[in-house]
Amino acid sequence: MGWKKLVVMSVEATTQLSGVPLSMATVHDLVSQNCTSSAILKVADTLPPLGIIISRVTFICTCRYEYRWADGVQIKKPIEVSAPKYVEYLMEWIEVQLDDESIFPQKLGTPFPANFKDVVKTIFKRLFRVYAHIYHSHFQKIVSLKEEAHLNTCFKHFILFTYEFGLIDKKEIAPLQELIESIVL
């Protein structure tokens, strides 16, 4: 899953910057020239609140993130895979983890293993990558279906849960840090 600079905003949202109507493509071109947090915020602050995505157009900027798959058993060295293949591998791997009674005991009173939190942290880190991909590659389609509120709500609950139990390291959430800050605050 190769990641390049990105800007996410509502496809339906258009506004004006210096009297020129701004489309998503225009904003993407404008911001991707100088993809820094401060550049994003400067452009975002010039836009009026639109009430479409979390009270204003949401910008997310990343420079380059690439996620590779390795399960440590069959695939020990991380390999480059497509997003659908990554999700397929991930869901199969999570199912194996959940079905493993030595990790997720089924009998009442059976203790959890010492590495339980590490396994759960890996699951959540990898699930976060799916959210990052959805926001990066499929958000326009989600907006066109008018489902962004549902995605944002699910993601907010996911993030608050991970914050509550310390399940994802800060460096792992960098691709969506600005979005997270806007929905958590």
Protein backbone atom coordinates (compact mmCIF):
# COMPACT_ATOMS: atom_id res chain seq x y z
CA MET A 1 0.00 0.00 0.00
CA GLY A 2 2.03 3.00 -1.15
CA TRP A 3 0.99 6.33 0.29
CA LYS A 4 1.68 9.72 -1.19
CA LYS A 5 0.70 13.21 -0.13
CA LEU A 6 -3.01 13.44 0.41
CA VAL A 7 -5.79 15.83 1.21
CA VAL A 8 -9.20 14.62 2.25
CA MET A 9 -12.22 16.89 2.07
CA SER A 10 -15.84 16.62 1.17
CA VAL A 11 -16.37 16.30 -2.57
CA GLU A 12 -19.55 18.35 -2.21
CA ALA A 13 -17.71 21.18 -0.48
CA THR A 14 -16.61 24.14 -2.51
CA THR A 15 -15.64 27.53 -1.20
CA GLN A 16 -13.61 30.51 -2.22
CA LEU A 17 -10.02 31.42 -1.52
CA SER A 18 -9.00 34.82 -2.86
CA GLY A 19 -12.27 34.99 -4.80
CA VAL A 20 -11.52 31.80 -6.79
CA PRO A 21 -13.93 28.85 -6.40
CA LEU A 22 -12.02 25.95 -4.88
CA SER A 23 -12.72 22.37 -5.86
CA MET A 24 -11.18 19.32 -4.25
CA ALA A 25 -8.71 19.00 -7.10
CA THR A 26 -7.67 22.64 -6.72
CA VAL A 27 -7.12 22.27 -2.98
CA HIS A 28 -5.25 19.00 -3.49
CA ASP A 29 -2.95 20.61 -6.05
CA LEU A 30 -2.49 23.68 -3.88
CA VAL A 31 -1.69 21.77 -0.70
CA SER A 32 0.31 18.92 -2.20
CA GLN A 33 2.82 21.45 -3.44
CA ASN A 34 3.72 22.19 0.17
CA CYS A 35 2.47 19.29 2.28
CA THR A 36 3.18 20.39 5.82
CA SER A 37 0.89 20.68 8.81
CA SER A 38 1.24 24.44 8.90
CA ALA A 39 0.43 24.75 5.18
CA ILE A 40 -2.66 22.59 5.66
CA LEU A 41 -3.81 24.61 8.64
CA LYS A 42 -3.26 27.91 6.81
CA VAL A 43 -5.45 26.77 3.93
CA ALA A 44 -8.01 25.23 6.30
CA ASP A 45 -8.23 28.40 8.39
CA THR A 46 -9.12 30.46 5.30
CA LEU A 47 -12.17 28.29 4.68
CA PRO A 48 -15.49 29.07 6.35
CA PRO A 49 -16.99 26.37 8.57
CA LEU A 50 -19.00 24.11 6.28
CA GLY A 51 -20.63 21.71 8.72
CA ILE A 52 -20.01 18.80 6.37
CA ILE A 53 -17.23 16.92 8.06
CA ILE A 54 -16.74 17.60 11.74
CA SER A 55 -17.83 21.26 11.50
CA ARG A 56 -15.36 22.20 8.77
CA VAL A 57 -13.57 20.72 5.84
CA THR A 58 -11.10 18.19 7.21
CA PHE A 59 -7.62 18.11 5.77
CA ILE A 60 -5.28 15.22 6.31
CA CYS A 61 -1.74 15.36 5.07
CA THR A 62 0.80 12.59 5.01
CA CYS A 63 3.99 12.46 3.10
CA ARG A 64 4.74 8.78 2.61
CA TYR A 65 3.53 5.78 4.50
CA GLU A 66 3.77 2.23 3.35
CA TYR A 67 2.37 -0.76 5.16
CA ARG A 68 3.69 -4.23 4.45
CA TRP A 69 2.33 -7.54 5.67
CA ALA A 70 4.06 -10.11 7.86
CA ASP A 71 2.37 -12.49 10.24
CA GLY A 72 5.58 -13.85 11.75
CA VAL A 73 4.58 -17.43 10.97
CA GLN A 74 3.99 -18.02 7.26
CA ILE A 75 5.27 -14.61 6.14
CA LYS A 76 8.23 -13.67 8.29
CA LYS A 77 9.75 -10.94 6.13
CA PRO A 78 7.29 -8.08 5.47
CA ILE A 79 5.98 -8.14 1.91
CA GLU A 80 4.34 -5.46 -0.20
CA VAL A 81 0.69 -6.31 -0.89
CA SER A 82 -2.36 -4.54 -2.27
CA ALA A 83 -4.81 -3.00 0.19
CA PRO A 84 -7.46 -5.72 -0.39
CA LYS A 85 -4.83 -8.42 0.18
CA TYR A 86 -3.59 -6.65 3.34
CA VAL A 87 -7.16 -6.56 4.70
CA GLU A 88 -7.67 -10.22 3.75
CA TYR A 89 -4.44 -11.25 5.51
CA LEU A 90 -5.32 -9.08 8.50
CA MET A 91 -8.83 -10.46 8.97
CA GLU A 92 -7.58 -14.05 8.65
CA TRP A 93 -4.77 -13.33 11.12
CA ILE A 94 -7.14 -11.68 13.62
CA GLU A 95 -9.51 -14.64 13.38
CA VAL A 96 -6.64 -17.02 14.16
CA GLN A 97 -5.68 -14.88 17.17
CA LEU A 98 -9.26 -14.74 18.48
CA ASP A 99 -9.73 -18.49 18.03
CA ASP A 100 -6.47 -19.30 19.85
CA GLU A 101 -7.55 -20.19 23.40
CA SER A 102 -3.99 -19.70 24.65
CA ILE A 103 -4.35 -16.00 23.76
CA PHE A 104 -8.11 -15.44 24.22
CA PRO A 105 -9.21 -18.04 26.83
CA GLN A 106 -12.80 -19.27 26.48
CA LYS A 107 -13.17 -20.87 29.90
CA LEU A 108 -14.08 -18.76 32.91
CA GLY A 109 -11.17 -18.34 35.28
CA THR A 110 -8.49 -19.20 32.73
CA PRO A 111 -5.78 -16.54 32.93
CA PHE A 112 -4.79 -14.45 29.95
CA PRO A 113 -1.19 -14.90 28.74
CA ALA A 114 1.57 -12.49 29.72
CA ASN A 115 1.78 -11.20 26.13
CA PHE A 116 -1.99 -10.57 25.84
CA LYS A 117 -1.70 -6.79 25.66
CA ASP A 118 1.04 -7.03 23.02
CA VAL A 119 -1.21 -9.20 20.83
CA VAL A 120 -4.14 -6.80 21.26
CA LYS A 121 -1.88 -3.82 20.50
CA THR A 122 -0.77 -5.49 17.26
CA ILE A 123 -4.39 -6.16 16.30
CA PHE A 124 -5.37 -2.53 16.91
CA LYS A 125 -2.28 -1.14 15.17
CA ARG A 126 -3.13 -3.15 12.08
CA LEU A 127 -6.83 -2.25 12.23
CA PHE A 128 -5.80 1.41 12.39
CA ARG A 129 -3.99 0.91 9.10
CA VAL A 130 -7.28 -0.15 7.52
CA TYR A 131 -8.91 3.06 8.76
CA ALA A 132 -5.97 5.06 7.39
CA HIS A 133 -6.40 3.39 4.02
CA ILE A 134 -10.15 4.01 4.00
CA TYR A 135 -9.68 7.71 4.77
CA HIS A 136 -6.86 8.00 2.24
CA SER A 137 -8.30 6.07 -0.69
CA HIS A 138 -12.05 5.77 -0.24
CA PHE A 139 -13.25 8.83 1.62
CA GLN A 140 -14.62 10.55 -1.49
CA LYS A 141 -16.83 7.54 -2.19
CA ILE A 142 -17.98 7.45 1.43
CA VAL A 143 -18.91 11.14 1.21
CA SER A 144 -20.78 10.55 -2.06
CA LEU A 145 -22.81 7.89 -0.23
CA LYS A 146 -23.37 10.37 2.63
CA GLU A 147 -21.85 7.90 5.10
CA GLU A 148 -18.94 9.98 6.43
CA ALA A 149 -20.69 10.62 9.75
CA HIS A 150 -20.86 6.86 10.37
CA LEU A 151 -17.21 6.35 9.47
CA ASN A 152 -16.14 9.30 11.62
CA THR A 153 -18.19 8.02 14.58
CA CYS A 154 -16.78 4.49 14.32
CA PHE A 155 -13.27 5.86 13.98
CA LYS A 156 -13.76 8.20 16.95
CA HIS A 157 -14.89 5.28 19.15
CA PHE A 158 -11.96 3.19 17.90
CA ILE A 159 -9.46 5.97 18.72
CA LEU A 160 -10.95 6.75 22.14
CA PHE A 161 -10.83 3.04 23.04
CA THR A 162 -7.19 2.80 21.96
CA TYR A 163 -6.34 5.95 23.95
CA GLU A 164 -8.12 4.63 27.05
CA PHE A 165 -6.12 1.40 27.07
CA GLY A 166 -2.88 2.61 25.42
CA LEU A 167 -3.19 0.27 22.45
CA ILE A 168 -1.54 2.27 19.66
CA ASP A 169 1.74 4.16 19.87
CA LYS A 170 1.65 7.81 18.82
CA LYS A 171 4.04 7.22 15.91
CA GLU A 172 1.57 4.70 14.45
CA ILE A 173 -1.27 7.23 14.25
CA ALA A 174 0.77 9.88 12.44
CA PRO A 175 -0.99 9.38 9.07
CA LEU A 176 -4.30 10.53 10.58
CA GLN A 177 -3.03 12.68 13.45
CA GLU A 178 -4.73 15.88 12.29
CA LEU A 179 -8.05 14.11 11.76
CA ILE A 180 -7.76 12.46 15.18
CA GLU A 181 -7.10 15.79 16.85
CA SER A 182 -10.13 17.31 15.14
CA ILE A 183 -12.54 14.54 16.16
CA VAL A 184 -11.25 13.87 19.68
CA LEU A 185 -11.24 17.48 20.86
